[in-house]
Amino acid sequence: MTPSKTAHKKTILRAKAVRKNQIVTLLTDFGTIDGYVGAMIGSILHYAPNILPISISHEVPSFDVEHAAYIGKTAWSYFPKGTIHIAVVDPGVGTLRRPLAINKQGNIYIGPDNGIFTSVLRGKRSVRVIDFKRLGFSEPSATFHGRDVFAPVAGLLAAGKISFHSLGVVLSDPILLPVWRVEITKDKIECYVIHVDRFGNAILGIEDKVANEFRKNHGLVAVLPSGEIIQRSRSYGDVSSGKALLLTGSSGHLEIAICEGSAAATLGLLRGTKIILRRVKGNC
């Protein structure tokens, strides 16, 4: 018997829905020596066996939520629309901290409410508290919500077995990381170092597009806590070896670097260091 046109159309729509949510990414501090990552992947595949799990990183320093927030920000936007992202760096697991899910521009983010999704929470988005009892889950382990809550929710969503709106109540006050604050006045921008990469580059919590709106065709310099002024350049090689510069990094954030050196070590820049940006004459 040939299926009806209506049934065929429904099959196509279901297939498209599955393809749309075919990727689930993982970002954790679990490392790869133990079986924690494998357990999470198995939990996802239990509910959605055709899903493709992709690891962004499992080498985030233990309990370092701020590090994970930056790593996620640099990677998540490159995945296709409909991707589900799980991020688990969760020193508060088993406490009253809330498990949350975020829907932003058709992408879903799942993990603890501890600031790990600060970059995603900027702008228009929908946030819900995951209610595992409402979803019919058994009581999760007090030490492994990655396996027992976040992974199953991702699998169920990816398989189309539950909807985002069914996860729980709306959350209006998710946690944001303080170091990502940016204060812009008429004369200056106050921001902070949010990440130091393996080269010692100090990445600031302000994107180039925001800084460009502030400088309005003027030059821009960074003023360090010591009073030292760092001039802006286009690339690392535009200055001589050992010289400091302010530039736009590959993440779209401004950063302070030293050509063939470490800005963190040489200039004493740490995560949380306050940096002042000022306009100057010229167009650097």
Protein backbone atom coordinates (compact mmCIF):
# COMPACT_ATOMS: atom_id res chain seq x y z
CA MET A 1 0.00 0.00 0.00
CA THR A 2 1.33 3.43 -0.90
CA PRO A 3 1.31 5.83 2.05
CA SER A 4 -0.93 8.85 1.72
CA LYS A 5 0.52 12.25 0.84
CA THR A 6 -0.36 13.49 4.33
CA ALA A 7 1.48 10.61 6.03
CA HIS A 8 4.46 11.11 3.73
CA LYS A 9 4.56 14.82 4.57
CA LYS A 10 4.47 14.07 8.30
CA THR A 11 7.36 11.62 7.89
CA ILE A 12 9.42 14.25 6.10
CA LEU A 13 8.68 16.83 8.80
CA ARG A 14 9.69 14.40 11.55
CA ALA A 15 12.92 13.60 9.72
CA LYS A 16 13.70 17.28 9.35
CA ALA A 17 13.07 17.81 13.06
CA VAL A 18 15.50 15.00 13.94
CA ARG A 19 18.16 16.34 11.57
CA LYS A 20 17.73 19.82 13.03
CA ASN A 21 18.69 18.58 16.49
CA GLN A 22 21.26 16.02 15.41
CA ILE A 23 24.25 17.51 17.23
CA VAL A 24 24.82 17.64 20.98
CA THR A 25 28.04 19.25 22.22
CA LEU A 26 29.75 18.66 25.55
CA LEU A 27 31.98 21.01 27.53
CA THR A 28 33.21 19.81 30.92
CA ASP A 29 36.09 19.70 33.39
CA PHE A 30 35.91 15.89 33.56
CA GLY A 31 39.10 15.10 31.66
CA THR A 32 39.39 11.87 29.68
CA ILE A 33 41.15 9.55 32.12
CA ASP A 34 37.94 8.51 33.90
CA GLY A 35 34.67 7.33 32.39
CA TYR A 36 32.59 10.41 33.20
CA VAL A 37 32.41 11.71 29.64
CA GLY A 38 31.57 8.26 28.33
CA ALA A 39 28.76 7.93 30.85
CA MET A 40 27.27 11.24 29.70
CA ILE A 41 27.47 10.24 26.05
CA GLY A 42 25.84 6.91 26.85
CA SER A 43 23.05 8.71 28.71
CA ILE A 44 22.39 10.95 25.70
CA LEU A 45 22.38 8.04 23.26
CA HIS A 46 20.03 6.04 25.48
CA TYR A 47 17.30 8.54 24.61
CA ALA A 48 18.51 9.59 21.16
CA PRO A 49 20.64 6.85 19.56
CA ASN A 50 21.04 8.69 16.24
CA ILE A 51 22.48 11.85 17.78
CA LEU A 52 26.07 12.91 17.10
CA PRO A 53 27.84 13.93 20.35
CA ILE A 54 30.70 16.39 19.80
CA SER A 55 33.24 17.24 22.52
CA ILE A 56 34.28 20.89 22.65
CA SER A 57 36.66 20.30 25.57
CA HIS A 58 36.95 18.20 28.69
CA GLU A 59 40.18 19.84 29.86
CA VAL A 60 38.70 22.88 31.57
CA PRO A 61 40.58 23.33 34.88
CA SER A 62 38.63 21.65 37.68
CA PHE A 63 35.74 23.76 39.01
CA ASP A 64 36.75 26.75 36.83
CA VAL A 65 33.36 28.07 35.70
CA GLU A 66 34.79 31.31 34.30
CA HIS A 67 37.24 29.42 32.09
CA ALA A 68 34.44 27.24 30.75
CA ALA A 69 32.21 30.25 30.10
CA TYR A 70 34.83 31.75 27.80
CA ILE A 71 35.65 28.47 26.02
CA GLY A 72 31.96 27.90 25.33
CA LYS A 73 31.52 31.41 24.04
CA THR A 74 34.31 30.94 21.49
CA ALA A 75 32.90 27.64 20.15
CA TRP A 76 29.11 27.50 20.45
CA SER A 77 28.28 30.04 17.75
CA TYR A 78 30.07 28.00 15.06
CA PHE A 79 27.63 25.08 15.27
CA PRO A 80 24.53 24.93 13.08
CA LYS A 81 21.18 26.22 14.31
CA GLY A 82 19.33 23.61 16.33
CA THR A 83 22.43 22.33 18.15
CA ILE A 84 22.04 21.38 21.82
CA HIS A 85 24.96 22.41 24.02
CA ILE A 86 25.68 20.83 27.41
CA ALA A 87 28.17 22.55 29.70
CA VAL A 88 29.03 20.93 33.04
CA VAL A 89 31.57 22.59 35.29
CA ASP A 90 29.55 22.28 38.42
CA PRO A 91 31.17 22.69 41.86
CA GLY A 92 27.67 23.26 43.30
CA VAL A 93 26.25 19.93 42.11
CA GLY A 94 23.83 18.43 44.64
CA THR A 95 23.17 21.77 46.36
CA LEU A 96 20.28 24.18 45.85
CA ARG A 97 21.86 25.60 42.68
CA ARG A 98 19.37 25.37 39.83
CA PRO A 99 19.69 23.20 36.70
CA LEU A 100 18.68 25.29 33.73
CA ALA A 101 17.99 25.22 30.02
CA ILE A 102 18.22 28.21 27.67
CA ASN A 103 16.67 28.63 24.25
CA LYS A 104 18.40 31.30 22.20
CA GLN A 105 17.91 31.71 18.46
CA GLY A 106 16.90 28.08 18.07
CA ASN A 107 19.85 26.64 20.00
CA ILE A 108 19.49 24.97 23.40
CA TYR A 109 21.99 25.29 26.27
CA ILE A 110 21.80 22.93 29.25
CA GLY A 111 23.77 22.99 32.50
CA PRO A 112 24.02 24.45 36.00
CA ASP A 113 22.94 27.98 36.88
CA ASN A 114 26.36 29.21 37.97
CA GLY A 115 27.33 31.72 35.29
CA ILE A 116 28.70 29.23 32.78
CA PHE A 117 26.23 30.55 30.19
CA THR A 118 26.86 34.25 30.82
CA SER A 119 27.59 35.01 27.16
CA VAL A 120 24.38 33.27 26.04
CA LEU A 121 22.23 35.03 28.62
CA ARG A 122 22.97 38.43 27.10
CA GLY A 123 20.20 39.57 24.76
CA LYS A 124 16.87 37.96 23.99
CA ARG A 125 16.52 34.38 25.26
CA SER A 126 14.18 32.07 27.15
CA VAL A 127 15.34 30.34 30.35
CA ARG A 128 13.69 27.53 32.30
CA VAL A 129 14.55 25.60 35.45
CA ILE A 130 14.81 21.89 34.67
CA ASP A 131 12.33 20.01 36.87
CA PHE A 132 13.53 16.41 36.74
CA LYS A 133 10.59 15.19 38.85
CA ARG A 134 8.12 16.79 36.47
CA LEU A 135 9.88 15.01 33.61
CA GLY A 136 9.51 11.67 35.39
CA PHE A 137 13.19 11.13 36.19
CA SER A 138 14.20 9.13 39.23
CA GLU A 139 16.17 10.96 41.93
CA PRO A 140 19.56 11.84 40.38
CA SER A 141 22.92 11.25 41.95
CA ALA A 142 23.94 14.12 44.22
CA THR A 143 27.33 14.20 42.50
CA PHE A 144 26.69 13.60 38.78
CA HIS A 145 23.89 15.70 37.30
CA GLY A 146 25.78 15.69 34.00
CA ARG A 147 24.87 12.03 33.55
CA ASP A 148 21.55 11.93 35.40
CA VAL A 149 19.89 15.25 34.46
CA PHE A 150 21.61 17.27 31.73
CA ALA A 151 22.44 14.41 29.35
CA PRO A 152 18.96 12.78 29.51
CA VAL A 153 17.27 16.15 28.96
CA ALA A 154 19.49 16.79 25.93
CA GLY A 155 18.72 13.34 24.54
CA LEU A 156 14.97 13.71 25.01
CA LEU A 157 14.97 17.15 23.40
CA ALA A 158 17.10 15.97 20.49
CA ALA A 159 14.80 13.00 19.89
CA GLY A 160 11.72 15.24 19.97
CA LYS A 161 10.27 13.37 22.94
CA ILE A 162 9.85 16.50 25.07
CA SER A 163 9.61 20.21 24.32
CA PHE A 164 11.65 23.05 25.74
CA HIS A 165 8.55 24.54 27.36
CA SER A 166 7.85 21.30 29.24
CA LEU A 167 11.16 21.40 31.13
CA GLY A 168 9.99 23.54 34.02
CA VAL A 169 9.10 27.05 35.14
CA VAL A 170 10.52 30.21 33.60
CA LEU A 171 13.68 31.54 35.29
CA SER A 172 13.96 35.33 35.43
CA ASP A 173 17.20 35.75 37.39
CA PRO A 174 19.93 33.43 36.06
CA ILE A 175 23.42 33.97 37.45
CA LEU A 176 25.89 36.10 35.47
CA LEU A 177 29.64 36.20 36.05
CA PRO A 178 30.80 39.51 37.60
CA VAL A 179 34.01 39.68 35.54
CA TRP A 180 31.94 39.91 32.36
CA ARG A 181 30.55 43.29 33.44
CA VAL A 182 31.25 46.22 31.15
CA GLU A 183 30.60 49.82 32.18
CA ILE A 184 30.57 52.43 29.42
CA THR A 185 30.53 56.15 30.13
CA LYS A 186 31.11 59.18 27.91
CA ASP A 187 34.88 59.11 28.38
CA LYS A 188 35.86 55.51 29.10
CA ILE A 189 35.04 51.84 29.21
CA GLU A 190 35.67 49.83 32.36
CA CYS A 191 36.05 46.12 31.71
CA TYR A 192 37.91 43.13 33.09
CA VAL A 193 40.23 40.38 31.97
CA ILE A 194 37.92 37.39 31.59
CA HIS A 195 40.42 34.82 30.35
CA VAL A 196 44.14 34.24 29.96
CA ASP A 197 44.93 31.83 27.15
CA ARG A 198 47.91 29.48 26.86
CA PHE A 199 49.97 32.18 25.14
CA GLY A 200 49.47 34.59 28.04
CA ASN A 201 47.10 36.83 26.07
CA ALA A 202 44.70 38.65 28.39
CA ILE A 203 41.23 38.57 26.82
CA LEU A 204 38.90 41.36 27.89
CA GLY A 205 35.18 41.09 28.51
CA ILE A 206 34.29 43.48 25.70
CA GLU A 207 33.73 42.70 22.06
CA ASP A 208 35.32 44.67 19.26
CA LYS A 209 31.96 45.79 17.87
CA VAL A 210 31.05 47.43 21.19
CA ALA A 211 34.44 49.12 21.47
CA ASN A 212 34.09 50.45 17.91
CA GLU A 213 30.76 52.07 18.75
CA PHE A 214 32.44 53.76 21.70
CA ARG A 215 35.51 55.09 19.94
CA LYS A 216 33.59 56.59 16.97
CA ASN A 217 36.47 56.69 14.47
CA HIS A 218 38.99 57.68 17.16
CA GLY A 219 41.92 55.62 18.34
CA LEU A 220 41.63 53.38 21.36
CA VAL A 221 44.15 52.59 24.11
CA ALA A 222 44.12 50.36 27.18
CA VAL A 223 45.19 51.77 30.54
CA LEU A 224 46.53 49.16 32.97
CA PRO A 225 46.21 49.39 36.77
CA SER A 226 49.89 50.43 36.82
CA GLY A 227 49.08 53.41 34.60
CA GLU A 228 50.88 51.94 31.59
CA ILE A 229 49.16 52.75 28.30
CA ILE A 230 48.92 50.07 25.61
CA GLN A 231 48.40 51.17 22.02
CA ARG A 232 46.10 49.35 19.64
CA SER A 233 47.43 47.37 16.65
CA ARG A 234 45.88 45.10 14.05
CA SER A 235 47.90 41.91 14.58
CA TYR A 236 50.57 40.43 16.84
CA GLY A 237 53.29 40.93 14.25
CA ASP A 238 52.62 44.64 13.79
CA VAL A 239 54.90 45.43 16.74
CA SER A 240 58.42 44.34 17.58
CA SER A 241 59.16 41.30 19.70
CA GLY A 242 58.49 41.91 23.40
CA LYS A 243 56.24 44.91 22.86
CA ALA A 244 52.72 45.04 24.29
CA LEU A 245 49.66 45.75 22.16
CA LEU A 246 45.88 45.95 22.28
CA LEU A 247 44.11 44.12 19.47
CA THR A 248 41.00 42.20 18.48
CA GLY A 249 41.49 38.47 18.97
CA SER A 250 39.93 35.60 17.04
CA SER A 251 37.03 35.46 19.51
CA GLY A 252 35.96 38.99 18.58
CA HIS A 253 37.01 40.25 22.02
CA LEU A 254 39.69 42.84 22.62
CA GLU A 255 42.82 41.43 24.21
CA ILE A 256 46.15 42.63 25.53
CA ALA A 257 49.12 40.69 24.21
CA ILE A 258 52.88 40.83 23.91
CA CYS A 259 54.50 39.95 20.62
CA GLU A 260 56.24 36.59 21.13
CA GLY A 261 55.68 36.83 24.87
CA SER A 262 53.14 36.56 27.69
CA ALA A 263 51.14 39.64 28.62
CA ALA A 264 49.90 37.89 31.75
CA ALA A 265 53.42 37.17 33.03
CA THR A 266 55.08 40.39 31.88
CA LEU A 267 52.33 42.86 32.79
CA GLY A 268 50.86 41.01 35.77
CA LEU A 269 47.44 40.61 34.17
CA LEU A 270 45.14 38.07 35.79
CA ARG A 271 41.54 37.17 35.31
CA GLY A 272 39.55 39.88 37.08
CA THR A 273 42.11 42.65 36.47
CA LYS A 274 40.27 45.87 35.66
CA ILE A 275 41.25 47.57 32.40
CA ILE A 276 40.26 51.08 31.30
CA LEU A 277 39.77 51.79 27.60
CA ARG A 278 39.99 55.40 26.40
CA ARG A 279 39.59 57.23 23.10
CA VAL A 280 42.61 59.03 21.67
CA LYS A 281 43.32 61.06 18.56
CA GLY A 282 43.99 59.03 15.46
CA ASN A 283 42.38 55.83 14.19
CA CYS A 284 44.38 53.01 15.78
